[in-house]
Protein backbone atom coordinates (compact mmCIF):
# COMPACT_ATOMS: atom_id res chain seq x y z
CA UNK A 1 0.00 0.00 0.00
CA UNK A 2 1.65 3.26 -1.06
CA UNK A 3 -1.34 5.59 -1.19
CA UNK A 4 -3.87 6.18 1.57
CA UNK A 5 -7.09 8.04 0.74
CA UNK A 6 -9.66 9.81 2.94
CA UNK A 7 -7.50 10.09 6.03
CA UNK A 8 -7.01 12.61 8.81
CA UNK A 9 -3.33 13.26 9.48
CA UNK A 10 -1.89 14.49 12.75
CA UNK A 11 0.52 17.15 11.47
CA UNK A 12 2.74 16.93 14.55
CA UNK A 13 5.34 14.23 14.01
CA UNK A 14 6.10 11.46 16.48
CA UNK A 15 9.89 11.58 16.87
CA UNK A 16 11.65 8.66 18.55
CA UNK A 17 15.25 7.65 19.23
CA UNK A 18 16.77 11.12 18.71
CA UNK A 19 15.13 11.43 15.28
CA UNK A 20 16.07 7.99 13.96
CA UNK A 21 12.34 7.19 13.67
CA UNK A 22 9.78 9.78 12.61
CA UNK A 23 6.12 8.99 11.98
CA UNK A 24 2.72 10.63 11.65
CA UNK A 25 -0.49 9.24 13.12
CA UNK A 26 -3.39 8.90 10.70
CA UNK A 27 -7.04 7.99 11.10
CA UNK A 28 -9.03 6.46 8.24
CA UNK A 29 -12.65 7.38 7.55
CA UNK A 30 -13.82 4.21 9.38
CA UNK A 31 -11.84 5.19 12.51
CA UNK A 32 -8.96 2.78 11.93
CA UNK A 33 -5.67 4.18 13.23
CA UNK A 34 -2.27 3.72 11.59
CA UNK A 35 1.07 5.46 11.51
CA UNK A 36 3.27 6.15 8.52
CA UNK A 37 6.93 6.90 8.90
CA UNK A 38 10.57 6.32 8.21
CA UNK A 39 13.36 4.74 10.22
CA UNK A 40 16.87 5.95 9.44
CA UNK A 41 19.97 3.74 9.73
CA UNK A 42 20.06 2.32 13.26
CA UNK A 43 19.28 -0.70 15.41
CA UNK A 44 16.28 0.07 17.61
CA UNK A 45 13.94 -1.73 20.02
CA UNK A 46 10.21 -0.98 19.95
CA UNK A 47 7.65 -2.06 22.55
CA UNK A 48 4.05 -2.74 21.56
CA UNK A 49 0.77 -2.31 23.37
CA UNK A 50 -1.59 -3.41 20.61
CA UNK A 51 -0.69 -6.00 18.00
CA UNK A 52 0.90 -4.42 14.91
CA UNK A 53 1.58 -5.22 11.29
CA UNK A 54 4.66 -3.43 9.98
CA UNK A 55 4.28 -3.00 6.21
CA UNK A 56 7.38 -2.00 4.24
CA UNK A 57 6.65 0.65 1.61
CA UNK A 58 10.27 1.27 0.54
CA UNK A 59 13.71 0.18 1.65
CA UNK A 60 14.30 -2.88 3.76
CA UNK A 61 15.07 -3.94 7.29
CA UNK A 62 15.93 -6.89 9.43
CA UNK A 63 13.79 -7.55 12.50
CA UNK A 64 13.81 -9.89 15.46
CA UNK A 65 10.68 -10.52 17.51
CA UNK A 66 10.85 -10.85 21.29
CA UNK A 67 11.54 -14.42 22.38
CA UNK A 68 13.29 -15.34 19.13
CA UNK A 69 16.95 -15.30 18.14
CA UNK A 70 16.74 -15.02 14.34
CA UNK A 71 16.96 -11.84 12.30
CA UNK A 72 14.44 -11.91 9.44
CA UNK A 73 14.26 -9.63 6.40
CA UNK A 74 11.42 -7.41 5.28
CA UNK A 75 11.56 -5.43 2.03
CA UNK A 76 9.19 -3.30 -0.05
CA UNK A 77 5.87 -5.07 -0.51
CA UNK A 78 6.26 -7.33 2.52
CA UNK A 79 5.17 -7.08 6.13
CA UNK A 80 5.64 -8.70 9.51
CA UNK A 81 3.38 -9.18 12.53
CA UNK A 82 4.23 -8.14 16.08
CA UNK A 83 2.11 -9.49 18.95
CA UNK A 84 0.44 -7.22 21.49
CA UNK A 85 2.36 -6.41 24.69
CA UNK A 86 5.64 -7.49 23.14
CA UNK A 87 8.69 -5.96 21.50
CA UNK A 88 10.86 -6.24 18.44
CA UNK A 89 14.27 -5.09 17.35
CA UNK A 90 14.72 -3.55 13.93
CA UNK A 91 17.98 -3.08 12.04
CA UNK A 92 18.03 -0.59 9.17
CA UNK A 93 20.98 0.15 6.86
CA UNK A 94 19.17 2.65 4.58
CA UNK A 95 15.90 4.53 5.08
CA UNK A 96 13.02 2.14 5.78
CA UNK A 97 9.57 3.57 4.93
CA UNK A 98 6.64 1.88 6.62
CA UNK A 99 2.96 1.84 7.48
CA UNK A 100 2.18 0.49 10.93
CA UNK A 101 -1.28 -1.11 11.05
CA UNK A 102 -2.61 -1.37 14.61
CA UNK A 103 -4.84 -4.32 15.44
PDB file of N, CA and C in Angstrom:
ATOM      1  N   UNK A   1       0.859  -1.165   0.000  1.00  0.00           N
ATOM      2  CA  UNK A   1       0.000   0.000   0.000  1.00  0.00           C
ATOM      3  C   UNK A   1       0.908   1.232   0.000  1.00  0.00           C
ATOM      4  N   UNK A   2       0.823   2.055  -1.018  1.00  0.00           N
ATOM      5  CA  UNK A   2       1.652   3.256  -1.058  1.00  0.00           C
ATOM      6  C   UNK A   2       0.828   4.536  -1.045  1.00  0.00           C
ATOM      7  N   UNK A   3      -0.486   4.413  -1.178  1.00  0.00           N
ATOM      8  CA  UNK A   3      -1.335   5.593  -1.192  1.00  0.00           C
ATOM      9  C   UNK A   3      -2.524   5.351  -0.271  1.00  0.00           C
ATOM     10  N   UNK A   4      -2.741   6.275   0.659  1.00  0.00           N
ATOM     11  CA  UNK A   4      -3.873   6.177   1.569  1.00  0.00           C
ATOM     12  C   UNK A   4      -4.825   7.320   1.265  1.00  0.00           C
ATOM     13  N   UNK A   5      -6.097   7.016   1.078  1.00  0.00           N
ATOM     14  CA  UNK A   5      -7.087   8.036   0.741  1.00  0.00           C
ATOM     15  C   UNK A   5      -8.025   8.279   1.911  1.00  0.00           C
ATOM     16  N   UNK A   6      -8.647   9.469   1.932  1.00  0.00           N
ATOM     17  CA  UNK A   6      -9.658   9.808   2.935  1.00  0.00           C
ATOM     18  C   UNK A   6      -9.167   9.591   4.360  1.00  0.00           C
ATOM     19  N   UNK A   7      -8.050  10.229   4.694  1.00  0.00           N
ATOM     20  CA  UNK A   7      -7.496  10.094   6.033  1.00  0.00           C
ATOM     21  C   UNK A   7      -7.345  11.454   6.697  1.00  0.00           C
ATOM     22  N   UNK A   8      -7.359  11.425   8.018  1.00  0.00           N
ATOM     23  CA  UNK A   8      -7.011  12.610   8.813  1.00  0.00           C
ATOM     24  C   UNK A   8      -5.592  12.382   9.305  1.00  0.00           C
ATOM     25  N   UNK A   9      -4.735  13.377   9.122  1.00  0.00           N
ATOM     26  CA  UNK A   9      -3.325  13.260   9.484  1.00  0.00           C
ATOM     27  C   UNK A   9      -3.023  14.192  10.649  1.00  0.00           C
ATOM     28  N   UNK A  10      -2.380  13.654  11.672  1.00  0.00           N
ATOM     29  CA  UNK A  10      -1.890  14.487  12.755  1.00  0.00           C
ATOM     30  C   UNK A  10      -0.605  15.135  12.243  1.00  0.00           C
ATOM     31  N   UNK A  11      -0.613  16.445  12.072  1.00  0.00           N
ATOM     32  CA  UNK A  11       0.518  17.146  11.472  1.00  0.00           C
ATOM     33  C   UNK A  11       1.764  17.146  12.357  1.00  0.00           C
ATOM     34  N   UNK A  12       1.581  16.968  13.665  1.00  0.00           N
ATOM     35  CA  UNK A  12       2.737  16.930  14.554  1.00  0.00           C
ATOM     36  C   UNK A  12       3.366  15.543  14.479  1.00  0.00           C
ATOM     37  N   UNK A  13       4.632  15.504  14.159  1.00  0.00           N
ATOM     38  CA  UNK A  13       5.339  14.230  14.011  1.00  0.00           C
ATOM     39  C   UNK A  13       5.606  13.576  15.367  1.00  0.00           C
ATOM     40  N   UNK A  14       5.631  12.258  15.347  1.00  0.00           N
ATOM     41  CA  UNK A  14       6.100  11.461  16.481  1.00  0.00           C
ATOM     42  C   UNK A  14       7.584  11.218  16.220  1.00  0.00           C
ATOM     43  N   UNK A  15       8.446  11.704  17.072  1.00  0.00           N
ATOM     44  CA  UNK A  15       9.892  11.581  16.869  1.00  0.00           C
ATOM     45  C   UNK A  15      10.454  10.713  17.986  1.00  0.00           C
ATOM     46  N   UNK A  16      11.102   9.615  17.600  1.00  0.00           N
ATOM     47  CA  UNK A  16      11.653   8.659  18.554  1.00  0.00           C
ATOM     48  C   UNK A  16      13.149   8.475  18.310  1.00  0.00           C
ATOM     49  N   UNK A  17      13.836   8.026  19.348  1.00  0.00           N
ATOM     50  CA  UNK A  17      15.249   7.651  19.235  1.00  0.00           C
ATOM     51  C   UNK A  17      16.093   8.761  18.609  1.00  0.00           C
ATOM     52  N   UNK A  18      15.974   9.971  19.173  1.00  0.00           N
ATOM     53  CA  UNK A  18      16.765  11.121  18.708  1.00  0.00           C
ATOM     54  C   UNK A  18      16.613  11.362  17.210  1.00  0.00           C
ATOM     55  N   UNK A  19      15.407  11.155  16.682  1.00  0.00           N
ATOM     56  CA  UNK A  19      15.134  11.434  15.278  1.00  0.00           C
ATOM     57  C   UNK A  19      15.416  10.286  14.328  1.00  0.00           C
ATOM     58  N   UNK A  20      15.804   9.133  14.845  1.00  0.00           N
ATOM     59  CA  UNK A  20      16.068   7.986  13.961  1.00  0.00           C
ATOM     60  C   UNK A  20      14.779   7.354  13.454  1.00  0.00           C
ATOM     61  N   UNK A  21      13.657   7.643  14.121  1.00  0.00           N
ATOM     62  CA  UNK A  21      12.343   7.187  13.672  1.00  0.00           C
ATOM     63  C   UNK A  21      11.384   8.364  13.765  1.00  0.00           C
ATOM     64  N   UNK A  22      10.748   8.690  12.653  1.00  0.00           N
ATOM     65  CA  UNK A  22       9.780   9.782  12.605  1.00  0.00           C
ATOM     66  C   UNK A  22       8.517   9.254  11.918  1.00  0.00           C
ATOM     67  N   UNK A  23       7.372   9.466  12.566  1.00  0.00           N
ATOM     68  CA  UNK A  23       6.119   8.991  11.975  1.00  0.00           C
ATOM     69  C   UNK A  23       5.020  10.020  12.199  1.00  0.00           C
ATOM     70  N   UNK A  24       3.921   9.824  11.474  1.00  0.00           N
ATOM     71  CA  UNK A  24       2.715  10.629  11.647  1.00  0.00           C
ATOM     72  C   UNK A  24       1.554   9.678  11.882  1.00  0.00           C
ATOM     73  N   UNK A  25       0.710  10.026  12.838  1.00  0.00           N
ATOM     74  CA  UNK A  25      -0.490   9.241  13.119  1.00  0.00           C
ATOM     75  C   UNK A  25      -1.573   9.643  12.129  1.00  0.00           C
ATOM     76  N   UNK A  26      -2.286   8.639  11.624  1.00  0.00           N
ATOM     77  CA  UNK A  26      -3.387   8.901  10.702  1.00  0.00           C
ATOM     78  C   UNK A  26      -4.623   8.137  11.167  1.00  0.00           C
ATOM     79  N   UNK A  27      -5.781   8.653  10.809  1.00  0.00           N
ATOM     80  CA  UNK A  27      -7.042   7.987  11.100  1.00  0.00           C
ATOM     81  C   UNK A  27      -7.834   7.897   9.804  1.00  0.00           C
ATOM     82  N   UNK A  28      -8.234   6.678   9.436  1.00  0.00           N
ATOM     83  CA  UNK A  28      -9.031   6.462   8.240  1.00  0.00           C
ATOM     84  C   UNK A  28     -10.479   6.852   8.502  1.00  0.00           C
ATOM     85  N   UNK A  29     -11.251   6.972   7.454  1.00  0.00           N
ATOM     86  CA  UNK A  29     -12.655   7.382   7.550  1.00  0.00           C
ATOM     87  C   UNK A  29     -13.462   6.448   8.462  1.00  0.00           C
ATOM     88  N   UNK A  30     -13.095   5.174   8.526  1.00  0.00           N
ATOM     89  CA  UNK A  30     -13.821   4.213   9.376  1.00  0.00           C
ATOM     90  C   UNK A  30     -13.329   4.208  10.820  1.00  0.00           C
ATOM     91  N   UNK A  31     -12.371   5.098  11.148  1.00  0.00           N
ATOM     92  CA  UNK A  31     -11.845   5.189  12.506  1.00  0.00           C
ATOM     93  C   UNK A  31     -10.590   4.380  12.763  1.00  0.00           C
ATOM     94  N   UNK A  32     -10.172   3.577  11.788  1.00  0.00           N
ATOM     95  CA  UNK A  32      -8.961   2.781  11.926  1.00  0.00           C
ATOM     96  C   UNK A  32      -7.754   3.704  12.063  1.00  0.00           C
ATOM     97  N   UNK A  33      -6.870   3.375  13.016  1.00  0.00           N
ATOM     98  CA  UNK A  33      -5.667   4.177  13.229  1.00  0.00           C
ATOM     99  C   UNK A  33      -4.435   3.448  12.715  1.00  0.00           C
ATOM    100  N   UNK A  34      -3.529   4.234  12.119  1.00  0.00           N
ATOM    101  CA  UNK A  34      -2.266   3.722  11.586  1.00  0.00           C
ATOM    102  C   UNK A  34      -1.210   4.782  11.821  1.00  0.00           C
ATOM    103  N   UNK A  35       0.028   4.432  11.581  1.00  0.00           N
ATOM    104  CA  UNK A  35       1.067   5.455  11.511  1.00  0.00           C
ATOM    105  C   UNK A  35       1.901   5.182  10.270  1.00  0.00           C
ATOM    106  N   UNK A  36       2.392   6.254   9.686  1.00  0.00           N
ATOM    107  CA  UNK A  36       3.274   6.146   8.522  1.00  0.00           C
ATOM    108  C   UNK A  36       4.564   6.870   8.878  1.00  0.00           C
ATOM    109  N   UNK A  37       5.689   6.273   8.506  1.00  0.00           N
ATOM    110  CA  UNK A  37       6.934   6.905   8.899  1.00  0.00           C
ATOM    111  C   UNK A  37       8.143   6.333   8.213  1.00  0.00           C
ATOM    112  N   UNK A  38       9.277   6.757   8.740  1.00  0.00           N
ATOM    113  CA  UNK A  38      10.571   6.322   8.214  1.00  0.00           C
ATOM    114  C   UNK A  38      11.509   6.080   9.387  1.00  0.00           C
ATOM    115  N   UNK A  39      12.302   5.027   9.257  1.00  0.00           N
ATOM    116  CA  UNK A  39      13.363   4.745  10.219  1.00  0.00           C
ATOM    117  C   UNK A  39      14.679   4.905   9.475  1.00  0.00           C
ATOM    118  N   UNK A  40      15.547   5.714  10.029  1.00  0.00           N
ATOM    119  CA  UNK A  40      16.870   5.955   9.436  1.00  0.00           C
ATOM    120  C   UNK A  40      17.851   4.912   9.958  1.00  0.00           C
ATOM    121  N   UNK A  41      19.021   4.784   9.334  1.00  0.00           N
ATOM    122  CA  UNK A  41      19.970   3.737   9.730  1.00  0.00           C
ATOM    123  C   UNK A  41      20.215   3.689  11.238  1.00  0.00           C
ATOM    124  N   UNK A  42      19.918   2.520  11.814  1.00  0.00           N
ATOM    125  CA  UNK A  42      20.063   2.317  13.258  1.00  0.00           C
ATOM    126  C   UNK A  42      19.629   0.896  13.591  1.00  0.00           C
ATOM    127  N   UNK A  43      19.868   0.498  14.823  1.00  0.00           N
ATOM    128  CA  UNK A  43      19.281  -0.704  15.407  1.00  0.00           C
ATOM    129  C   UNK A  43      18.489  -0.227  16.612  1.00  0.00           C
ATOM    130  N   UNK A  44      17.179  -0.474  16.604  1.00  0.00           N
ATOM    131  CA  UNK A  44      16.282   0.074  17.614  1.00  0.00           C
ATOM    132  C   UNK A  44      15.401  -1.032  18.191  1.00  0.00           C
ATOM    133  N   UNK A  45      14.885  -0.807  19.393  1.00  0.00           N
ATOM    134  CA  UNK A  45      13.937  -1.726  20.015  1.00  0.00           C
ATOM    135  C   UNK A  45      12.634  -0.987  20.266  1.00  0.00           C
ATOM    136  N   UNK A  46      11.541  -1.543  19.774  1.00  0.00           N
ATOM    137  CA  UNK A  46      10.205  -0.979  19.949  1.00  0.00           C
ATOM    138  C   UNK A  46       9.382  -1.903  20.840  1.00  0.00           C
ATOM    139  N   UNK A  47       8.599  -1.313  21.728  1.00  0.00           N
ATOM    140  CA  UNK A  47       7.651  -2.057  22.555  1.00  0.00           C
ATOM    141  C   UNK A  47       6.256  -1.829  21.990  1.00  0.00           C
ATOM    142  N   UNK A  48       5.413  -2.857  22.079  1.00  0.00           N
ATOM    143  CA  UNK A  48       4.050  -2.741  21.558  1.00  0.00           C
ATOM    144  C   UNK A  48       3.034  -2.846  22.679  1.00  0.00           C
ATOM    145  N   UNK A  49       1.940  -2.139  22.510  1.00  0.00           N
ATOM    146  CA  UNK A  49       0.773  -2.309  23.371  1.00  0.00           C
ATOM    147  C   UNK A  49      -0.209  -3.185  22.620  1.00  0.00           C
ATOM    148  N   UNK A  50      -0.696  -2.659  21.495  1.00  0.00           N
ATOM    149  CA  UNK A  50      -1.588  -3.410  20.610  1.00  0.00           C
ATOM    150  C   UNK A  50      -0.748  -4.227  19.630  1.00  0.00           C
ATOM    151  N   UNK A  51      -1.358  -5.254  19.064  1.00  0.00           N
ATOM    152  CA  UNK A  51      -0.695  -6.002  17.997  1.00  0.00           C
ATOM    153  C   UNK A  51      -0.498  -5.068  16.805  1.00  0.00           C
ATOM    154  N   UNK A  52       0.573  -5.273  16.050  1.00  0.00           N
ATOM    155  CA  UNK A  52       0.902  -4.420  14.913  1.00  0.00           C
ATOM    156  C   UNK A  52       1.286  -5.256  13.701  1.00  0.00           C
ATOM    157  N   UNK A  53       1.035  -4.689  12.533  1.00  0.00           N
ATOM    158  CA  UNK A  53       1.575  -5.220  11.291  1.00  0.00           C
ATOM    159  C   UNK A  53       2.449  -4.109  10.719  1.00  0.00           C
ATOM    160  N   UNK A  54       3.726  -4.390  10.550  1.00  0.00           N
ATOM    161  CA  UNK A  54       4.661  -3.429   9.975  1.00  0.00           C
ATOM    162  C   UNK A  54       4.779  -3.735   8.487  1.00  0.00           C
ATOM    163  N   UNK A  55       4.252  -2.847   7.664  1.00  0.00           N
ATOM    164  CA  UNK A  55       4.277  -3.004   6.213  1.00  0.00           C
ATOM    165  C   UNK A  55       5.386  -2.140   5.631  1.00  0.00           C
ATOM    166  N   UNK A  56       6.283  -2.738   4.862  1.00  0.00           N
ATOM    167  CA  UNK A  56       7.382  -2.002   4.236  1.00  0.00           C
ATOM    168  C   UNK A  56       6.915  -1.395   2.917  1.00  0.00           C
ATOM    169  N   UNK A  57       7.025  -0.071   2.814  1.00  0.00           N
ATOM    170  CA  UNK A  57       6.647   0.651   1.606  1.00  0.00           C
ATOM    171  C   UNK A  57       7.857   0.837   0.698  1.00  0.00           C
ATOM    172  N   UNK A  58       9.022   1.101   1.292  1.00  0.00           N
ATOM    173  CA  UNK A  58      10.266   1.267   0.536  1.00  0.00           C
ATOM    174  C   UNK A  58      11.436   0.972   1.460  1.00  0.00           C
ATOM    175  N   UNK A  59      12.535   0.550   0.858  1.00  0.00           N
ATOM    176  CA  UNK A  59      13.708   0.185   1.648  1.00  0.00           C
ATOM    177  C   UNK A  59      13.587  -1.237   2.142  1.00  0.00           C
ATOM    178  N   UNK A  60      14.367  -1.556   3.167  1.00  0.00           N
ATOM    179  CA  UNK A  60      14.305  -2.883   3.758  1.00  0.00           C
ATOM    180  C   UNK A  60      14.864  -2.823   5.170  1.00  0.00           C
ATOM    181  N   UNK A  61      14.571  -3.862   5.931  1.00  0.00           N
ATOM    182  CA  UNK A  61      15.065  -3.940   7.293  1.00  0.00           C
ATOM    183  C   UNK A  61      15.272  -5.403   7.653  1.00  0.00           C
ATOM    184  N   UNK A  62      15.904  -5.598   8.779  1.00  0.00           N
ATOM    185  CA  UNK A  62      15.931  -6.894   9.433  1.00  0.00           C
ATOM    186  C   UNK A  62      15.253  -6.683  10.779  1.00  0.00           C
ATOM    187  N   UNK A  63      14.492  -7.673  11.231  1.00  0.00           N
ATOM    188  CA  UNK A  63      13.794  -7.551  12.502  1.00  0.00           C
ATOM    189  C   UNK A  63      13.897  -8.853  13.277  1.00  0.00           C
ATOM    190  N   UNK A  64      13.800  -8.729  14.589  1.00  0.00           N
ATOM    191  CA  UNK A  64      13.809  -9.889  15.463  1.00  0.00           C
ATOM    192  C   UNK A  64      12.722  -9.686  16.524  1.00  0.00           C
ATOM    193  N   UNK A  65      11.769 -10.597  16.545  1.00  0.00           N
ATOM    194  CA  UNK A  65      10.678 -10.524  17.515  1.00  0.00           C
ATOM    195  C   UNK A  65      11.150 -10.981  18.886  1.00  0.00           C
ATOM    196  N   UNK A  66      10.534 -10.445  19.928  1.00  0.00           N
ATOM    197  CA  UNK A  66      10.853 -10.853  21.294  1.00  0.00           C
ATOM    198  C   UNK A  66      10.700 -12.363  21.426  1.00  0.00           C
ATOM    199  N   UNK A  67      11.614 -12.980  22.153  1.00  0.00           N
ATOM    200  CA  UNK A  67      11.540 -14.416  22.382  1.00  0.00           C
ATOM    201  C   UNK A  67      12.117 -15.261  21.267  1.00  0.00           C
ATOM    202  N   UNK A  68      12.649 -14.606  20.224  1.00  0.00           N
ATOM    203  CA  UNK A  68      13.293 -15.344  19.131  1.00  0.00           C
ATOM    204  C   UNK A  68      14.753 -14.923  19.059  1.00  0.00           C
ATOM    205  N   UNK A  69      15.527 -15.636  18.270  1.00  0.00           N
ATOM    206  CA  UNK A  69      16.951 -15.298  18.142  1.00  0.00           C
ATOM    207  C   UNK A  69      17.376 -15.126  16.688  1.00  0.00           C
ATOM    208  N   UNK A  70      16.414 -15.118  15.772  1.00  0.00           N
ATOM    209  CA  UNK A  70      16.744 -15.020  14.345  1.00  0.00           C
ATOM    210  C   UNK A  70      16.345 -13.655  13.788  1.00  0.00           C
ATOM    211  N   UNK A  71      17.271 -13.064  13.044  1.00  0.00           N
ATOM    212  CA  UNK A  71      16.962 -11.836  12.304  1.00  0.00           C
ATOM    213  C   UNK A  71      16.311 -12.244  10.991  1.00  0.00           C
ATOM    214  N   UNK A  72      15.169 -11.643  10.681  1.00  0.00           N
ATOM    215  CA  UNK A  72      14.441 -11.914   9.445  1.00  0.00           C
ATOM    216  C   UNK A  72      14.399 -10.644   8.614  1.00  0.00           C
ATOM    217  N   UNK A  73      14.270 -10.787   7.292  1.00  0.00           N
ATOM    218  CA  UNK A  73      14.263  -9.628   6.400  1.00  0.00           C
ATOM    219  C   UNK A  73      12.850  -9.246   6.000  1.00  0.00           C
ATOM    220  N   UNK A  74      12.665  -7.943   5.816  1.00  0.00           N
ATOM    221  CA  UNK A  74      11.422  -7.413   5.281  1.00  0.00           C
ATOM    222  C   UNK A  74      11.802  -6.323   4.286  1.00  0.00           C
ATOM    223  N   UNK A  75      11.251  -6.400   3.089  1.00  0.00           N
ATOM    224  CA  UNK A  75      11.563  -5.431   2.034  1.00  0.00           C
ATOM    225  C   UNK A  75      10.257  -4.896   1.460  1.00  0.00           C
ATOM    226  N   UNK A  76      10.364  -3.944   0.557  1.00  0.00           N
ATOM    227  CA  UNK A  76       9.193  -3.303  -0.052  1.00  0.00           C
ATOM    228  C   UNK A  76       8.191  -4.351  -0.520  1.00  0.00           C
ATOM    229  N   UNK A  77       6.932  -4.150  -0.131  1.00  0.00           N
ATOM    230  CA  UNK A  77       5.871  -5.071  -0.512  1.00  0.00           C
ATOM    231  C   UNK A  77       5.635  -6.190   0.478  1.00  0.00           C
ATOM    232  N   UNK A  78       6.458  -6.283   1.520  1.00  0.00           N
ATOM    233  CA  UNK A  78       6.265  -7.335   2.520  1.00  0.00           C
ATOM    234  C   UNK A  78       5.925  -6.713   3.868  1.00  0.00           C
ATOM    235  N   UNK A  79       5.533  -7.564   4.803  1.00  0.00           N
ATOM    236  CA  UNK A  79       5.171  -7.082   6.133  1.00  0.00           C
ATOM    237  C   UNK A  79       5.508  -8.148   7.162  1.00  0.00           C
ATOM    238  N   UNK A  80       5.481  -7.732   8.433  1.00  0.00           N
ATOM    239  CA  UNK A  80       5.638  -8.701   9.512  1.00  0.00           C
ATOM    240  C   UNK A  80       4.722  -8.320  10.664  1.00  0.00           C
ATOM    241  N   UNK A  81       4.315  -9.335  11.422  1.00  0.00           N
ATOM    242  CA  UNK A  81       3.375  -9.175  12.533  1.00  0.00           C
ATOM    243  C   UNK A  81       4.115  -9.135  13.859  1.00  0.00           C
ATOM    244  N   UNK A  82       3.671  -8.242  14.733  1.00  0.00           N
ATOM    245  CA  UNK A  82       4.233  -8.135  16.075  1.00  0.00           C
ATOM    246  C   UNK A  82       3.078  -8.313  17.065  1.00  0.00           C
ATOM    247  N   UNK A  83       3.200  -9.266  17.988  1.00  0.00           N
ATOM    248  CA  UNK A  83       2.112  -9.490  18.951  1.00  0.00           C
ATOM    249  C   UNK A  83       1.911  -8.303  19.894  1.00  0.00           C
ATOM    250  N   UNK A  84       0.731  -8.240  20.480  1.00  0.00           N
ATOM    251  CA  UNK A  84       0.443  -7.221  21.488  1.00  0.00           C
ATOM    252  C   UNK A  84       1.318  -7.440  22.716  1.00  0.00           C
ATOM    253  N   UNK A  85       1.590  -6.357  23.445  1.00  0.00           N
ATOM    254  CA  UNK A  85       2.359  -6.414  24.687  1.00  0.00           C
ATOM    255  C   UNK A  85       3.665  -7.175  24.515  1.00  0.00           C
ATOM    256  N   UNK A  86       4.396  -6.809  23.486  1.00  0.00           N
ATOM    257  CA  UNK A  86       5.636  -7.488  23.145  1.00  0.00           C
ATOM    258  C   UNK A  86       6.670  -6.436  22.737  1.00  0.00           C
ATOM    259  N   UNK A  87       7.680  -6.886  22.027  1.00  0.00           N
ATOM    260  CA  UNK A  87       8.690  -5.959  21.505  1.00  0.00           C
ATOM    261  C   UNK A  87       9.343  -6.582  20.280  1.00  0.00           C
ATOM    262  N   UNK A  88      10.054  -5.747  19.553  1.00  0.00           N
ATOM    263  CA  UNK A  88      10.857  -6.240  18.440  1.00  0.00           C
ATOM    264  C   UNK A  88      12.039  -5.307  18.246  1.00  0.00           C
ATOM    265  N   UNK A  89      13.120  -5.879  17.739  1.00  0.00           N
ATOM    266  CA  UNK A  89      14.272  -5.087  17.347  1.00  0.00           C
ATOM    267  C   UNK A  89      14.219  -4.927  15.843  1.00  0.00           C
ATOM    268  N   UNK A  90      14.677  -3.793  15.371  1.00  0.00           N
ATOM    269  CA  UNK A  90      14.720  -3.550  13.930  1.00  0.00           C
ATOM    270  C   UNK A  90      16.081  -2.978  13.585  1.00  0.00           C
ATOM    271  N   UNK A  91      16.659  -3.491  12.519  1.00  0.00           N
ATOM    272  CA  UNK A  91      17.984  -3.083  12.045  1.00  0.00           C
ATOM    273  C   UNK A  91      17.807  -2.533  10.637  1.00  0.00           C
ATOM    274  N   UNK A  92      18.229  -1.278  10.438  1.00  0.00           N
ATOM    275  CA  UNK A  92      18.026  -0.590   9.166  1.00  0.00           C
ATOM    276  C   UNK A  92      19.370  -0.049   8.685  1.00  0.00           C
ATOM    277  N   UNK A  93      19.730  -0.351   7.437  1.00  0.00           N
ATOM    278  CA  UNK A  93      20.982   0.153   6.860  1.00  0.00           C
ATOM    279  C   UNK A  93      20.742   1.399   6.006  1.00  0.00           C
ATOM    280  N   UNK A  94      19.586   1.475   5.359  1.00  0.00           N
ATOM    281  CA  UNK A  94      19.174   2.648   4.583  1.00  0.00           C
ATOM    282  C   UNK A  94      17.729   2.948   4.961  1.00  0.00           C
ATOM    283  N   UNK A  95      17.241   4.121   4.642  1.00  0.00           N
ATOM    284  CA  UNK A  95      15.901   4.527   5.076  1.00  0.00           C
ATOM    285  C   UNK A  95      14.850   3.447   4.796  1.00  0.00           C
ATOM    286  N   UNK A  96      14.083   3.140   5.825  1.00  0.00           N
ATOM    287  CA  UNK A  96      13.020   2.141   5.776  1.00  0.00           C
ATOM    288  C   UNK A  96      11.688   2.881   5.942  1.00  0.00           C
ATOM    289  N   UNK A  97      10.857   2.878   4.921  1.00  0.00           N
ATOM    290  CA  UNK A  97       9.566   3.567   4.929  1.00  0.00           C
ATOM    291  C   UNK A  97       8.486   2.540   5.246  1.00  0.00           C
ATOM    292  N   UNK A  98       7.601   2.883   6.173  1.00  0.00           N
ATOM    293  CA  UNK A  98       6.635   1.875   6.622  1.00  0.00           C
ATOM    294  C   UNK A  98       5.259   2.473   6.901  1.00  0.00           C
ATOM    295  N   UNK A  99       4.287   1.561   6.937  1.00  0.00           N
ATOM    296  CA  UNK A  99       2.958   1.836   7.481  1.00  0.00           C
ATOM    297  C   UNK A  99       2.780   0.844   8.624  1.00  0.00           C
ATOM    298  N   UNK A 100       2.447   1.344   9.789  1.00  0.00           N
ATOM    299  CA  UNK A 100       2.176   0.487  10.928  1.00  0.00           C
ATOM    300  C   UNK A 100       0.660   0.387  11.076  1.00  0.00           C
ATOM    301  N   UNK A 101       0.146  -0.827  10.913  1.00  0.00           N
ATOM    302  CA  UNK A 101      -1.279  -1.106  11.055  1.00  0.00           C
ATOM    303  C   UNK A 101      -1.511  -1.626  12.472  1.00  0.00           C
ATOM    304  N   UNK A 102      -2.333  -0.935  13.241  1.00  0.00           N
ATOM    305  CA  UNK A 102      -2.610  -1.371  14.610  1.00  0.00           C
ATOM    306  C   UNK A 102      -3.828  -2.272  14.615  1.00  0.00           C
ATOM    307  N   UNK A 103      -3.730  -3.363  15.366  1.00  0.00           N
ATOM    308  CA  UNK A 103      -4.843  -4.325  15.443  1.00  0.00           C
ATOM    309  C   UNK A 103      -5.811  -3.922  16.525  1.00  0.00           C
TER     310      UNK A 103
END
